Protein backbone atom coordinates (compact mmCIF):
# COMPACT_ATOMS: atom_id res chain seq x y z
CA MET A 1 16.63 -0.44 -25.80
CA ILE A 2 16.15 -1.66 -22.22
CA LEU A 3 19.12 -4.04 -22.36
CA GLN A 4 21.23 -1.41 -24.10
CA ALA A 5 20.44 1.14 -21.38
CA LEU A 6 21.29 -1.38 -18.62
CA TYR A 7 24.50 -2.31 -20.46
CA ASP A 8 25.47 1.37 -20.61
CA TYR A 9 24.65 1.78 -16.90
CA TYR A 10 27.12 -1.01 -16.07
CA ASN A 11 29.84 0.62 -18.17
CA ARG A 12 29.30 4.04 -16.56
CA SER A 13 29.42 2.44 -13.07
CA LYS A 14 32.31 0.01 -13.54
CA GLY A 15 34.23 1.31 -10.56
CA SER A 16 31.48 0.33 -8.14
CA LEU A 17 30.28 -2.90 -9.79
CA PRO A 18 31.94 -6.33 -9.96
CA THR A 19 34.22 -7.01 -12.90
CA PHE A 20 33.34 -9.50 -15.61
CA GLY A 21 32.53 -12.96 -14.28
CA ARG A 22 32.02 -11.92 -10.65
CA GLU A 23 29.14 -10.82 -8.46
CA LEU A 24 28.36 -9.78 -4.91
CA LYS A 25 26.46 -12.72 -3.45
CA GLU A 26 24.65 -13.00 -0.14
CA ILE A 27 26.03 -16.03 1.70
CA GLY A 28 24.30 -16.67 4.99
CA PHE A 29 26.30 -19.61 6.36
CA LEU A 30 29.92 -20.74 6.14
CA ILE A 31 31.20 -24.28 6.58
CA VAL A 32 34.41 -23.99 8.59
CA ILE A 33 36.85 -26.85 7.84
CA ASP A 34 40.44 -27.52 8.86
CA LYS A 35 43.31 -27.98 6.41
CA ASN A 36 42.55 -31.70 6.20
CA GLY A 37 38.94 -31.11 5.19
CA ASN A 38 37.38 -32.02 8.54
CA PHE A 39 34.18 -30.25 9.48
CA VAL A 40 34.72 -27.88 12.42
CA LYS A 41 31.54 -25.83 12.70
CA PHE A 42 29.02 -23.61 10.93
CA GLU A 43 29.50 -19.86 11.00
CA ASP A 44 26.54 -17.46 10.79
CA ARG A 45 27.03 -14.55 8.38
CA ARG A 46 23.47 -13.24 8.41
CA ILE A 47 23.01 -9.54 9.11
CA ASP A 48 19.37 -9.85 10.11
CA LYS A 49 16.36 -11.99 9.26
CA LYS A 50 16.20 -10.69 5.69
CA GLN A 51 19.78 -10.33 4.50
CA ALA A 52 23.29 -11.69 4.87
CA GLN A 53 26.87 -10.61 4.24
CA LYS A 54 27.84 -10.22 0.60
CA PHE A 55 30.96 -11.78 -0.85
CA LEU A 56 32.62 -11.12 -4.20
CA VAL A 57 32.41 -14.51 -5.91
CA THR A 58 32.09 -16.00 -9.37
CA LYS A 59 28.83 -15.12 -11.07
CA SER A 60 26.14 -17.70 -10.42
CA VAL A 61 25.23 -20.09 -13.20
CA GLY A 62 22.00 -20.03 -15.17
CA ARG A 63 19.96 -23.12 -14.33
CA THR A 64 17.43 -25.17 -16.20
CA SER A 65 16.07 -28.55 -15.12
CA ALA A 66 19.58 -30.08 -15.27
CA PRO A 67 21.86 -29.65 -12.22
CA ALA A 68 24.52 -26.95 -12.53
CA ALA A 69 26.86 -26.13 -9.67
CA ASN A 70 28.17 -22.72 -8.72
CA TYR A 71 31.84 -21.93 -8.19
CA LEU A 72 32.62 -23.09 -4.62
CA TYR A 73 29.32 -21.90 -3.15
CA ASP A 74 25.70 -23.02 -3.46
CA ASN A 75 22.62 -24.16 -1.56
CA SER A 76 22.54 -27.05 0.91
CA ALA A 77 21.54 -29.67 -1.67
CA TYR A 78 24.63 -28.98 -3.75
CA VAL A 79 27.18 -28.28 -1.02
CA PHE A 80 26.47 -31.01 1.54
CA GLY A 81 23.60 -33.03 0.13
CA TYR A 82 20.75 -31.90 2.36
CA SER A 83 17.32 -31.11 0.96
CA GLU A 84 13.81 -31.03 2.40
CA LYS A 85 12.70 -33.10 -0.59
CA GLY A 86 15.40 -35.69 -0.06
CA ASP A 87 16.54 -35.75 -3.72
CA SER A 88 19.93 -34.13 -3.32
CA GLU A 89 22.29 -36.90 -4.48
CA LYS A 90 22.53 -35.65 -8.08
CA TYR A 91 23.19 -32.11 -6.87
CA ILE A 92 26.02 -32.91 -4.49
CA GLU A 93 27.65 -35.11 -7.15
CA CYS A 94 27.48 -32.17 -9.55
CA PHE A 95 29.12 -29.91 -6.96
CA LYS A 96 31.86 -32.46 -6.17
CA LYS A 97 32.65 -32.70 -9.89
CA LYS A 98 32.90 -28.92 -10.05
CA VAL A 99 35.42 -28.95 -7.18
CA LYS A 100 37.47 -31.64 -8.98
CA ASP A 101 37.50 -29.61 -12.20
CA ILE A 102 38.71 -26.49 -10.38
CA LEU A 103 41.38 -28.53 -8.55
CA LYS A 104 42.68 -29.85 -11.88
CA ALA A 105 43.16 -26.26 -13.03
CA SER A 106 44.98 -25.30 -9.80
CA PRO A 107 46.41 -28.53 -8.27
CA GLU A 108 48.76 -26.73 -5.85
CA ASN A 109 46.14 -24.61 -4.16
CA ASP A 110 45.95 -25.62 -0.46
CA GLU A 111 42.42 -24.26 0.07
CA LEU A 112 41.10 -26.31 -2.84
CA LYS A 113 42.86 -29.39 -1.50
CA ALA A 114 41.10 -28.91 1.84
CA VAL A 115 37.70 -28.60 0.14
CA ASP A 116 38.41 -31.66 -1.98
CA SER A 117 39.42 -33.58 1.17
CA PHE A 118 36.11 -32.57 2.74
CA TYR A 119 34.34 -34.56 0.02
CA GLN A 120 36.57 -37.61 0.52
CA HIS A 121 34.77 -38.25 3.81
CA ASP A 122 31.59 -40.26 4.09
CA MET A 123 29.06 -37.45 3.55
CA ALA A 124 26.36 -39.25 5.56
CA ILE A 125 28.64 -39.18 8.62
CA VAL A 126 29.61 -35.53 7.92
CA LEU A 127 25.94 -34.55 7.64
CA ASN A 128 25.15 -36.17 10.98
CA LYS A 129 27.98 -34.22 12.57
CA MET A 130 26.64 -31.01 10.98
CA LYS A 131 23.23 -31.66 12.50
CA GLU A 132 24.82 -31.65 15.94
CA ASP A 133 26.08 -28.09 15.41
CA ALA A 134 24.36 -25.39 17.48
CA LEU A 135 23.51 -23.45 14.30
CA TRP A 136 21.74 -26.36 12.58
CA PRO A 137 18.18 -25.47 13.76
CA GLU A 138 18.56 -22.02 12.19
CA ILE A 139 19.92 -23.50 8.97
CA GLU A 140 17.08 -25.99 8.72
CA LYS A 141 14.47 -23.31 9.46
CA ASN A 142 15.76 -20.92 6.78
CA LEU A 143 16.52 -23.28 3.88
CA ASN A 144 14.15 -21.40 1.57
CA LYS A 145 15.56 -17.94 2.24
CA LYS A 146 17.57 -16.29 -0.53
CA TYR A 147 20.59 -16.00 1.77
CA SER A 148 20.56 -19.76 2.52
CA ILE A 149 23.78 -20.19 0.52
CA PHE A 150 26.86 -22.01 1.81
CA SER A 151 30.56 -21.71 1.13
CA PHE A 152 33.79 -22.83 2.78
CA LEU A 153 36.10 -21.07 5.19
CA ILE A 154 39.43 -22.64 6.13
CA GLU A 155 39.94 -22.50 9.89
CA GLY A 156 42.14 -19.52 10.76
CA ASN A 157 41.52 -17.68 7.47
CA THR A 158 39.52 -14.47 7.03
CA LYS A 159 38.56 -14.92 3.37
CA ILE A 160 36.21 -17.62 2.18
CA VAL A 161 37.48 -20.06 -0.44
CA ALA A 162 35.00 -18.84 -3.06
CA GLU A 163 36.50 -15.32 -3.07
CA ASN A 164 40.12 -16.46 -3.38
CA ASP A 165 41.59 -14.16 -6.07
CA ALA A 166 43.84 -16.84 -7.52
CA LEU A 167 40.87 -19.16 -8.07
CA LEU A 168 38.68 -16.41 -9.49
CA ASP A 169 41.40 -15.50 -11.97
CA LEU A 170 41.25 -19.04 -13.40
CA LEU A 171 38.06 -18.04 -15.20
CA ASN A 172 39.76 -15.22 -17.04
CA ASP A 173 42.29 -17.65 -18.48
CA GLU A 174 39.64 -19.66 -20.30
CA ALA A 175 39.71 -19.13 -24.05
CA VAL A 176 36.48 -17.84 -25.52
CA ASP A 177 35.58 -18.09 -29.18
CA ALA A 178 34.17 -14.90 -30.66
CA ASP A 179 31.58 -16.68 -32.75
CA GLN A 180 28.65 -14.25 -33.22
CA ILE A 181 27.79 -10.55 -33.13
CA CYS A 182 26.07 -9.47 -29.92
CA LEU A 183 22.81 -7.60 -30.38
CA ILE A 184 23.59 -5.36 -27.39
CA SER A 185 27.24 -4.40 -27.81
CA GLY A 186 27.59 -4.94 -31.56
CA GLN A 187 30.83 -6.82 -30.87
CA ARG A 188 31.71 -10.42 -31.63
CA GLY A 189 31.68 -12.70 -28.63
CA HIS A 190 30.71 -16.02 -27.18
CA ILE A 191 26.90 -16.15 -27.07
CA VAL A 192 25.10 -17.24 -23.90
CA GLU A 193 22.59 -20.07 -24.12
CA THR A 194 20.55 -18.92 -21.09
CA THR A 195 20.64 -15.76 -19.02
CA THR A 196 21.15 -15.14 -15.31
CA ALA A 197 18.28 -14.93 -12.85
CA THR A 198 17.37 -11.39 -11.78
CA MET A 199 14.57 -11.96 -9.29
CA ILE A 200 12.37 -9.14 -8.07
CA PRO A 201 10.09 -9.05 -4.98
CA GLY A 202 7.28 -11.54 -5.50
CA SER A 203 8.97 -13.48 -8.29
CA GLN A 204 10.54 -16.92 -8.29
CA ALA A 205 14.23 -17.16 -7.46
CA THR A 206 14.93 -18.23 -11.06
CA ALA A 207 12.98 -15.37 -12.68
CA LYS A 208 14.72 -13.64 -15.58
CA LEU A 209 14.23 -10.47 -17.57
CA VAL A 210 15.20 -12.33 -20.76
CA ALA A 211 14.35 -16.03 -20.95
CA PHE A 212 14.48 -18.57 -23.75
CA GLN A 213 12.49 -21.77 -24.16
CA VAL A 214 12.92 -24.75 -26.41
CA ASN A 215 10.06 -25.63 -28.78
CA SER A 216 8.11 -22.55 -27.74
CA GLY A 217 7.52 -21.21 -31.24
CA TYR A 218 10.44 -18.80 -31.17
CA ASP A 219 13.10 -21.18 -32.45
CA SER A 220 14.12 -20.65 -36.06
CA TYR A 221 16.69 -21.80 -38.61
CA GLY A 222 17.78 -24.62 -36.32
CA LYS A 223 18.82 -22.27 -33.51
CA GLU A 224 17.74 -22.77 -29.94
CA LYS A 225 17.61 -20.63 -26.79
CA GLY A 226 20.11 -17.76 -26.91
CA GLY A 227 20.99 -18.50 -30.50
CA ASN A 228 17.77 -16.82 -31.61
CA ALA A 229 18.69 -13.49 -30.01
CA PRO A 230 22.50 -13.45 -29.64
CA ILE A 231 23.78 -11.85 -26.43
CA SER A 232 27.48 -12.14 -25.64
CA GLU A 233 28.71 -13.31 -22.24
CA GLU A 234 30.19 -9.88 -21.55
CA ALA A 235 26.98 -8.02 -22.44
CA GLU A 236 24.79 -10.49 -20.54
CA PHE A 237 27.02 -10.13 -17.51
CA ALA A 238 26.90 -6.33 -17.77
CA TYR A 239 23.13 -5.92 -18.01
CA THR A 240 22.29 -8.57 -15.38
CA THR A 241 24.89 -7.16 -12.99
CA ALA A 242 23.46 -3.66 -13.45
CA LEU A 243 19.94 -4.98 -12.96
CA ASN A 244 20.79 -6.93 -9.81
CA PHE A 245 22.75 -3.96 -8.45
CA MET A 246 19.71 -1.67 -8.76
CA LEU A 247 17.45 -4.40 -7.32
CA ARG A 248 19.48 -4.82 -4.13
CA SER A 249 17.63 -4.24 -0.86
CA ASP A 250 19.37 -0.93 -0.04
CA SER A 251 19.23 0.42 -3.59
CA ARG A 252 18.50 4.10 -4.14
CA ASN A 253 17.63 3.41 -7.78
CA LYS A 254 14.45 1.53 -6.90
CA PHE A 255 11.01 2.02 -5.43
CA MET A 256 7.99 -0.24 -5.01
CA ILE A 257 4.38 0.46 -5.93
CA GLY A 258 2.19 -2.50 -4.92
CA ASN A 259 3.73 -5.56 -6.57
CA ARG A 260 5.50 -3.39 -9.14
CA THR A 261 9.22 -2.69 -8.92
CA PHE A 262 10.39 0.51 -10.60
CA LEU A 263 14.05 1.07 -11.44
CA PHE A 264 15.39 4.43 -12.60
CA TRP A 265 18.76 5.76 -13.66
CA ALA A 266 20.43 8.54 -15.61
CA SER A 267 22.55 7.85 -18.68
CA ASN A 268 25.36 10.01 -17.35
CA ASN A 269 27.09 9.73 -14.00
CA ASP A 270 27.70 13.49 -13.71
CA GLU A 271 26.33 15.78 -11.02
CA ALA A 272 23.02 16.34 -12.82
CA GLY A 273 22.50 12.60 -13.27
CA LYS A 274 23.32 11.82 -9.65
CA GLN A 275 21.02 14.53 -8.31
CA ALA A 276 18.20 13.46 -10.64
CA GLU A 277 18.43 9.86 -9.38
CA GLU A 278 18.55 10.97 -5.75
CA SER A 279 15.57 13.26 -6.29
CA VAL A 280 13.40 10.54 -7.82
CA PHE A 281 14.24 8.28 -4.89
CA ASN A 282 13.34 11.04 -2.43
CA MET A 283 10.05 11.58 -4.23
CA PHE A 284 8.95 7.96 -4.59
CA GLY A 285 11.33 5.67 -2.71
CA PHE A 286 9.56 5.72 0.60
CA THR A 287 8.55 3.22 3.26
CA GLU A 288 5.43 3.24 5.42
CA GLN A 289 7.67 3.50 8.49
CA GLU A 290 8.94 6.95 7.57
CA ASP A 291 7.70 9.78 9.81
CA ASP A 292 7.65 12.27 6.94
CA PRO A 293 7.99 10.70 3.48
CA ASN A 294 7.69 14.18 1.91
CA ARG A 295 10.49 15.87 3.83
CA ASN A 296 12.76 16.12 0.79
CA ILE A 297 10.10 17.10 -1.78
CA GLU A 298 11.07 20.77 -1.84
CA GLN A 299 14.68 19.82 -2.58
CA VAL A 300 13.38 17.64 -5.43
CA ARG A 301 11.67 20.68 -6.93
CA LYS A 302 14.87 22.74 -6.66
CA THR A 303 16.95 19.99 -8.29
CA PHE A 304 14.69 19.54 -11.31
CA ASN A 305 14.28 23.29 -11.65
CA ALA A 306 18.07 23.60 -11.77
CA ILE A 307 18.27 20.87 -14.43
CA TYR A 308 15.51 22.40 -16.56
CA SER A 309 16.77 25.98 -16.24
CA GLY A 310 20.34 24.96 -17.08
CA SER A 311 21.94 26.07 -13.82
CA LEU A 312 22.74 22.39 -13.30
CA ARG A 313 24.45 21.69 -16.60
CA THR A 314 23.35 18.81 -18.83
CA SER A 315 23.86 17.90 -22.48
CA LEU A 316 21.31 17.08 -25.15
CA ASP A 317 22.45 13.45 -25.02
CA ASP A 318 21.69 13.04 -21.30
CA LYS A 319 18.70 10.76 -20.76
CA PHE A 320 16.68 9.42 -17.88
CA TYR A 321 15.29 5.89 -17.81
CA ILE A 322 12.46 4.31 -15.81
CA LEU A 323 11.78 0.57 -15.93
CA GLY A 324 8.70 -1.00 -14.36
CA LEU A 325 8.81 -4.72 -13.58
CA ALA A 326 6.27 -7.20 -12.21
CA PRO A 327 6.46 -10.89 -11.23
CA ASN A 328 4.93 -13.12 -13.88
CA SER A 329 5.19 -16.88 -13.48
CA ALA A 330 8.77 -17.94 -14.24
CA ARG A 331 9.66 -14.68 -15.97
CA ILE A 332 9.72 -10.99 -15.15
CA ALA A 333 7.17 -8.87 -16.99
CA VAL A 334 8.07 -5.38 -18.21
CA THR A 335 5.08 -3.18 -17.31
CA TYR A 336 6.58 0.24 -18.00
CA TRP A 337 9.48 1.70 -19.93
CA SER A 338 10.35 5.36 -20.37
CA GLU A 339 13.38 6.87 -22.06
CA LEU A 340 13.44 10.67 -22.05
CA PRO A 341 16.02 13.43 -22.39
CA LEU A 342 16.87 14.48 -18.84
CA LYS A 343 15.60 18.02 -19.40
CA ASP A 344 12.25 16.73 -20.69
CA PHE A 345 11.94 14.48 -17.66
CA ALA A 346 12.71 17.44 -15.38
CA PHE A 347 9.99 19.44 -17.14
CA ARG A 348 7.40 16.74 -16.45
CA ILE A 349 8.26 16.58 -12.78
CA LEU A 350 8.10 20.38 -12.55
CA ARG A 351 4.75 20.34 -14.32
CA HIS A 352 3.43 18.01 -11.64
CA PHE A 353 4.57 20.47 -8.98
CA GLU A 354 2.98 23.35 -10.87
CA ASP A 355 -0.33 21.54 -11.34
CA MET A 356 -0.45 20.50 -7.67
CA GLU A 357 0.47 23.94 -6.33
CA ILE A 358 -2.31 25.71 -4.44
CA VAL A 359 -2.51 28.45 -1.81
CA ASP A 360 -1.07 27.35 1.52
CA THR A 361 -1.56 29.52 4.62
CA ARG A 362 -0.19 27.01 7.11
CA LYS A 363 2.65 28.20 9.33
CA GLU A 364 4.65 25.07 8.55
CA LYS A 365 4.22 24.68 4.81
CA LYS A 366 4.81 20.95 4.56
CA PRO A 367 5.09 19.54 1.04
CA TYR A 368 2.07 17.61 -0.21
CA MET A 369 3.01 16.69 -3.80
CA GLY A 370 4.60 13.32 -3.00
CA LEU A 371 2.88 10.14 -4.15
CA ARG A 372 2.18 8.89 -0.62
CA SER A 373 0.41 12.12 0.36
CA ILE A 374 -1.70 12.00 -2.80
CA LEU A 375 -2.74 8.38 -2.24
CA ALA A 376 -3.38 8.90 1.47
CA ALA A 377 -5.75 11.77 0.67
CA VAL A 378 -8.14 9.46 -1.19
CA THR A 379 -8.17 6.44 1.12
CA LEU A 380 -10.19 5.64 4.20
CA GLY A 381 -7.97 6.14 7.23
CA GLY A 382 -5.32 8.02 5.25
CA LYS A 383 -3.11 4.99 4.54
CA SER A 384 -1.54 5.11 1.09
CA SER A 385 -1.13 1.32 1.17
CA ASP A 386 -4.95 1.01 1.13
CA ALA A 387 -5.27 2.69 -2.27
CA THR A 388 -7.03 0.69 -4.97
CA PRO A 389 -4.53 -1.65 -6.71
CA ASN A 390 -4.13 0.17 -10.04
CA LEU A 391 -4.31 3.73 -8.75
CA PRO A 392 -0.68 4.25 -7.59
CA GLU A 393 0.76 3.12 -10.91
CA ALA A 394 -1.75 5.23 -12.84
CA VAL A 395 -0.79 8.36 -10.86
CA LEU A 396 2.87 7.56 -11.37
CA LYS A 397 2.46 7.30 -15.14
CA SER A 398 0.55 10.59 -15.20
CA ILE A 399 3.49 12.30 -13.51
CA PHE A 400 6.17 10.66 -15.67
CA GLN A 401 4.33 11.01 -18.99
CA GLY A 402 2.61 14.34 -18.45
CA LEU A 403 -0.81 12.72 -18.95
CA PRO A 404 -4.09 13.70 -17.22
CA TYR A 405 -4.31 12.35 -13.70
CA PRO A 406 -6.56 9.29 -13.46
CA TYR A 407 -10.29 9.86 -13.09
CA THR A 408 -10.33 7.36 -10.22
CA LEU A 409 -8.01 9.69 -8.26
CA PHE A 410 -10.33 12.65 -8.81
CA ALA A 411 -13.52 10.69 -8.07
CA GLY A 412 -11.94 9.11 -4.99
CA CYS A 413 -10.98 12.56 -3.71
CA ILE A 414 -14.54 13.90 -4.13
CA ARG A 415 -15.88 10.78 -2.42
CA ARG A 416 -13.61 11.20 0.63
CA ILE A 417 -14.50 14.91 0.97
CA ARG A 418 -18.20 14.04 1.00
CA ALA A 419 -17.79 11.13 3.39
CA GLU A 420 -15.58 12.97 5.89
CA GLN A 421 -16.79 16.57 5.40
CA SER A 422 -13.11 17.42 5.27
CA LEU A 423 -11.31 19.40 2.58
CA ASN A 424 -7.56 19.64 3.21
CA ILE A 425 -4.82 21.14 1.06
CA THR A 426 -3.86 17.85 -0.59
CA ARG A 427 -7.41 17.13 -1.72
CA ALA A 428 -7.84 20.65 -3.06
CA ALA A 429 -4.53 20.33 -4.92
CA ILE A 430 -5.55 16.98 -6.44
CA ILE A 431 -8.82 18.45 -7.76
CA LYS A 432 -7.05 21.51 -9.18
CA ALA A 433 -4.36 19.37 -10.84
CA TYR A 434 -6.89 16.96 -12.36
CA LEU A 435 -9.14 19.70 -13.75
CA ASN A 436 -6.26 21.76 -15.15
CA ARG A 437 -4.84 18.81 -17.06
CA ILE A 438 -8.13 17.90 -18.73
CA ASN A 439 -9.18 21.50 -19.47
CA ASN A 440 -6.63 23.92 -20.89
CA GLN A 441 -9.26 26.60 -21.59
CA GLN A 442 -10.28 27.44 -18.04
CA LYS A 443 -7.34 26.95 -15.72
CA ILE A 444 -7.73 27.17 -11.96
CA ASN A 445 -5.25 29.54 -10.35
CA VAL A 446 -3.07 28.87 -7.34
CA MET A 447 -4.71 31.70 -5.38
CA LEU A 448 -8.33 32.83 -5.16
CA ASP A 449 -9.50 33.93 -8.61
CA ASP A 450 -12.19 36.64 -8.45
CA LYS A 451 -12.37 36.63 -12.26
CA ASN A 452 -13.46 32.97 -12.44
CA THR A 453 -17.14 32.85 -13.39
CA ASN A 454 -17.62 29.09 -13.34
CA GLN A 455 -20.88 28.52 -11.47
CA GLY A 456 -19.51 25.63 -9.43
CA TYR A 457 -16.48 27.68 -8.38
CA LEU A 458 -18.68 30.66 -7.43
CA CYS A 459 -21.02 28.45 -5.40
CA GLY A 460 -18.02 27.08 -3.51
CA ARG A 461 -16.76 30.60 -2.78
CA LEU A 462 -20.17 31.74 -1.58
CA PHE A 463 -20.58 28.70 0.62
CA ALA A 464 -17.20 29.46 2.24
CA VAL A 465 -18.36 33.04 2.98
CA LEU A 466 -21.57 31.80 4.62
CA ASP A 467 -19.60 29.23 6.61
CA LYS A 468 -17.17 31.94 7.79
CA ILE A 469 -20.01 34.23 8.88
CA GLN A 470 -21.51 31.46 11.00
CA ASP A 471 -18.11 30.67 12.47
CA GLU A 472 -17.56 34.27 13.59
CA ALA A 473 -21.14 34.69 14.80
CA ASN A 474 -21.68 31.39 16.63
CA ASN A 475 -18.29 29.66 16.62
CA GLN A 476 -19.75 26.62 14.86
CA HIS A 477 -19.96 25.10 11.37
CA SER A 478 -23.41 23.49 11.21
CA ILE A 479 -23.96 24.91 7.71
CA ARG A 480 -20.90 23.05 6.46
CA GLU A 481 -21.79 19.87 8.30
CA ARG A 482 -25.42 19.79 7.13
CA TYR A 483 -25.39 21.40 3.70
CA MET A 484 -21.97 21.03 2.04
CA ASN A 485 -22.76 17.85 0.11
CA SER A 486 -26.07 19.11 -1.27
CA ALA A 487 -24.68 22.61 -1.94
CA SER A 488 -21.88 21.10 -4.03
CA SER A 489 -24.20 18.93 -6.16
CA THR A 490 -27.65 20.68 -6.20
CA PRO A 491 -27.01 24.33 -5.26
CA ALA A 492 -30.49 25.58 -6.18
CA ALA A 493 -32.04 23.27 -3.59
CA VAL A 494 -30.18 24.66 -0.57
CA PHE A 495 -28.69 28.11 -1.18
CA ALA A 496 -31.95 29.95 -0.51
CA THR A 497 -32.07 28.28 2.90
CA ILE A 498 -28.46 28.93 3.89
CA LEU A 499 -28.54 32.51 2.60
CA ASN A 500 -31.52 33.14 4.84
CA LEU A 501 -29.65 31.59 7.78
CA SER A 502 -26.69 33.80 6.97
CA TYR A 503 -28.73 36.97 7.46
CA HIS A 504 -29.55 35.88 11.02
CA HIS A 505 -25.88 35.06 11.68
CA SER A 506 -24.75 38.45 10.31
CA GLU A 507 -26.95 40.27 12.83
CA LYS A 508 -24.61 39.05 15.58
CA LEU A 509 -21.55 40.70 13.99
CA ASN A 510 -20.47 44.29 14.49
CA GLU A 511 -21.48 46.70 11.75
CA GLY A 512 -18.07 46.95 10.11
CA ARG A 513 -17.68 43.21 9.89
CA ARG A 514 -21.26 42.79 8.67
CA VAL A 515 -20.78 45.31 5.85
CA TRP A 516 -17.46 43.74 4.87
CA PHE A 517 -19.00 40.28 4.52
CA GLU A 518 -21.99 41.69 2.65
CA LYS A 519 -19.70 43.24 0.03
CA ILE A 520 -17.96 39.90 -0.51
CA LYS A 521 -21.28 38.06 -0.80
CA GLN A 522 -22.62 40.61 -3.27
CA GLU A 523 -19.46 40.45 -5.41
CA ILE A 524 -19.94 36.68 -5.77
CA VAL A 525 -23.74 36.71 -6.21
CA ASP A 526 -23.44 39.30 -9.00
CA LYS A 527 -21.57 36.68 -11.06
CA ILE A 528 -24.18 33.96 -10.54
CA SER A 529 -26.30 33.26 -13.63
CA PRO A 530 -29.44 35.46 -14.00
CA ASP A 531 -31.39 32.21 -14.08
CA GLY A 532 -30.39 31.57 -10.49
CA PHE A 533 -28.28 28.93 -8.81
CA PRO A 534 -27.60 25.77 -10.90
CA THR A 535 -30.05 22.95 -10.27
CA HIS A 536 -27.26 20.40 -10.68
CA LEU A 537 -23.46 20.43 -10.89
CA ASP A 538 -21.64 17.68 -12.77
CA LEU A 539 -18.65 16.02 -11.10
CA GLN A 540 -16.10 18.41 -12.62
CA ASP A 541 -18.03 21.46 -11.40
CA GLN A 542 -18.41 19.78 -8.03
CA GLY A 543 -14.63 19.66 -7.98
CA ARG A 544 -14.53 23.38 -8.83
CA PHE A 545 -16.98 23.99 -5.99
CA PHE A 546 -14.56 22.45 -3.50
CA VAL A 547 -11.57 24.35 -4.90
CA GLY A 548 -13.56 27.60 -4.74
CA TYR A 549 -14.55 26.82 -1.17
CA TYR A 550 -10.98 25.99 -0.21
CA GLN A 551 -9.41 29.08 -1.84
CA GLN A 552 -12.01 31.44 -0.38
CA THR A 553 -11.48 29.92 3.07
CA GLN A 554 -7.71 30.31 2.74
CA TRP A 555 -8.23 33.92 1.68
CA PHE A 556 -9.93 34.58 5.00
CA TYR A 557 -6.83 33.27 6.79
CA THR A 558 -4.55 35.87 5.23
CA LYS A 559 -3.53 38.96 7.15
CA LYS A 560 -6.12 41.69 7.52
CA GLU A 561 -4.06 44.21 5.58
CA GLU A 562 -3.77 41.74 2.70
CA GLN A 563 -7.56 41.38 2.63
CA VAL A 564 -8.00 45.15 2.52
CA THR A 565 -5.50 45.40 -0.34
CA GLU A 566 -7.38 42.77 -2.31
């Protein structure tokens, strides 16, 4: 299903992707030669330290241990016989043979003649001349970079030889035998023996999503490599091109979580599909350098609400795909795969927003439901990159699959509140979302719930009232600083003390304010168990304590007339 979905993505995006047999390849350095094949200079086509200009060239070959040259472009060992290991002779001979074969197919092409003439020179002398070029130190320093690929440019031309249309069209003239049925397309075609590399961050350059080995236990009926799982050249080109397109550095169909690479796409290229893809990128495709990674979260909510409600039209056949990949030795490991109707996917995203929603009295109501905000809330120093290794992916799967949020997220949130004596909106939202997903019987509301009789929740509300009284009386929060941790875990041990302190604080308030607070305290205390305050609260009720505290505190921040109404 993964390959089929990638194959369909290529077909829906044909206008923006290379046609069969071609690819956009980063080529960092050009060898400029004259019409007689003499070396003139190197030309730098790097954009920055991480990427280079892309050229539309013939699709790169799949390599095993045997040398295989690309079509008029390749690395330094193939193109001019230079390698750090010093074993490049077999590679340059392979490349020279490739040039000869292409020249035989197009003997009148002047550019090919110039390239062929280049290889008629003594390559040792040519290499020495290359080393005198001003760009050589940069070339030598960056030999292991992915953009350290070389091709030829004829002096005075603007197009490199490898992207000459006449030469590229030679490939389309080759006869192909339709010998087997492709498992992806269902059509007869020439079956590939090996597949193209589709490297991801952290993987080897030769890593592949689908790889075949000889004598690995998967060979059967005398068939080897691709013969065991027939994939036609056209289908293999389509799915690898789609995969590499979404893996490109500036892709908006990709985001990273630790060493995991997640790709996502809609089955349809209509407005709903485009907006869904853009929304997922806005929600998860962030970088640590962004000032506000959540700035587009509210638009994400609106988009998925429009999809789910039907105001942004979709069909029952529209689907949304998410593919999680991880580096794994020579291959790429699939760590996650989801295929859902687009409306169902929209519902799960909206459910995340609903579960995370909690009262917000801030003047600037900044979104807090993005993954980075959630992770930052449970890490020391507030850096999402410092989250425990498996937590980000676990939270992600909870959102995408509608599963309970991970216990480690909830426990980490409680731990940070205790350590920092700080309960912000994101932490309160995390606790509410976690508890609501594991307990459908007693849901926590968005706003303060005066009907909630959970003892932990009531203790949290009461503690917020006592904290507020002290704040108004003395303009300090020593109760919160000294007693919050014990009040949230062993209420019976401390509430008698802080209630007594509260009476002294209340004496400093005017009579109207004192009576008002007393009514609120009494309303809460009346719901406490007749047996008194709980001797111990388990971790879930500790979470309810903090939500009760947060919601009661936020209630105090509302306008005075709203308080009177309530």
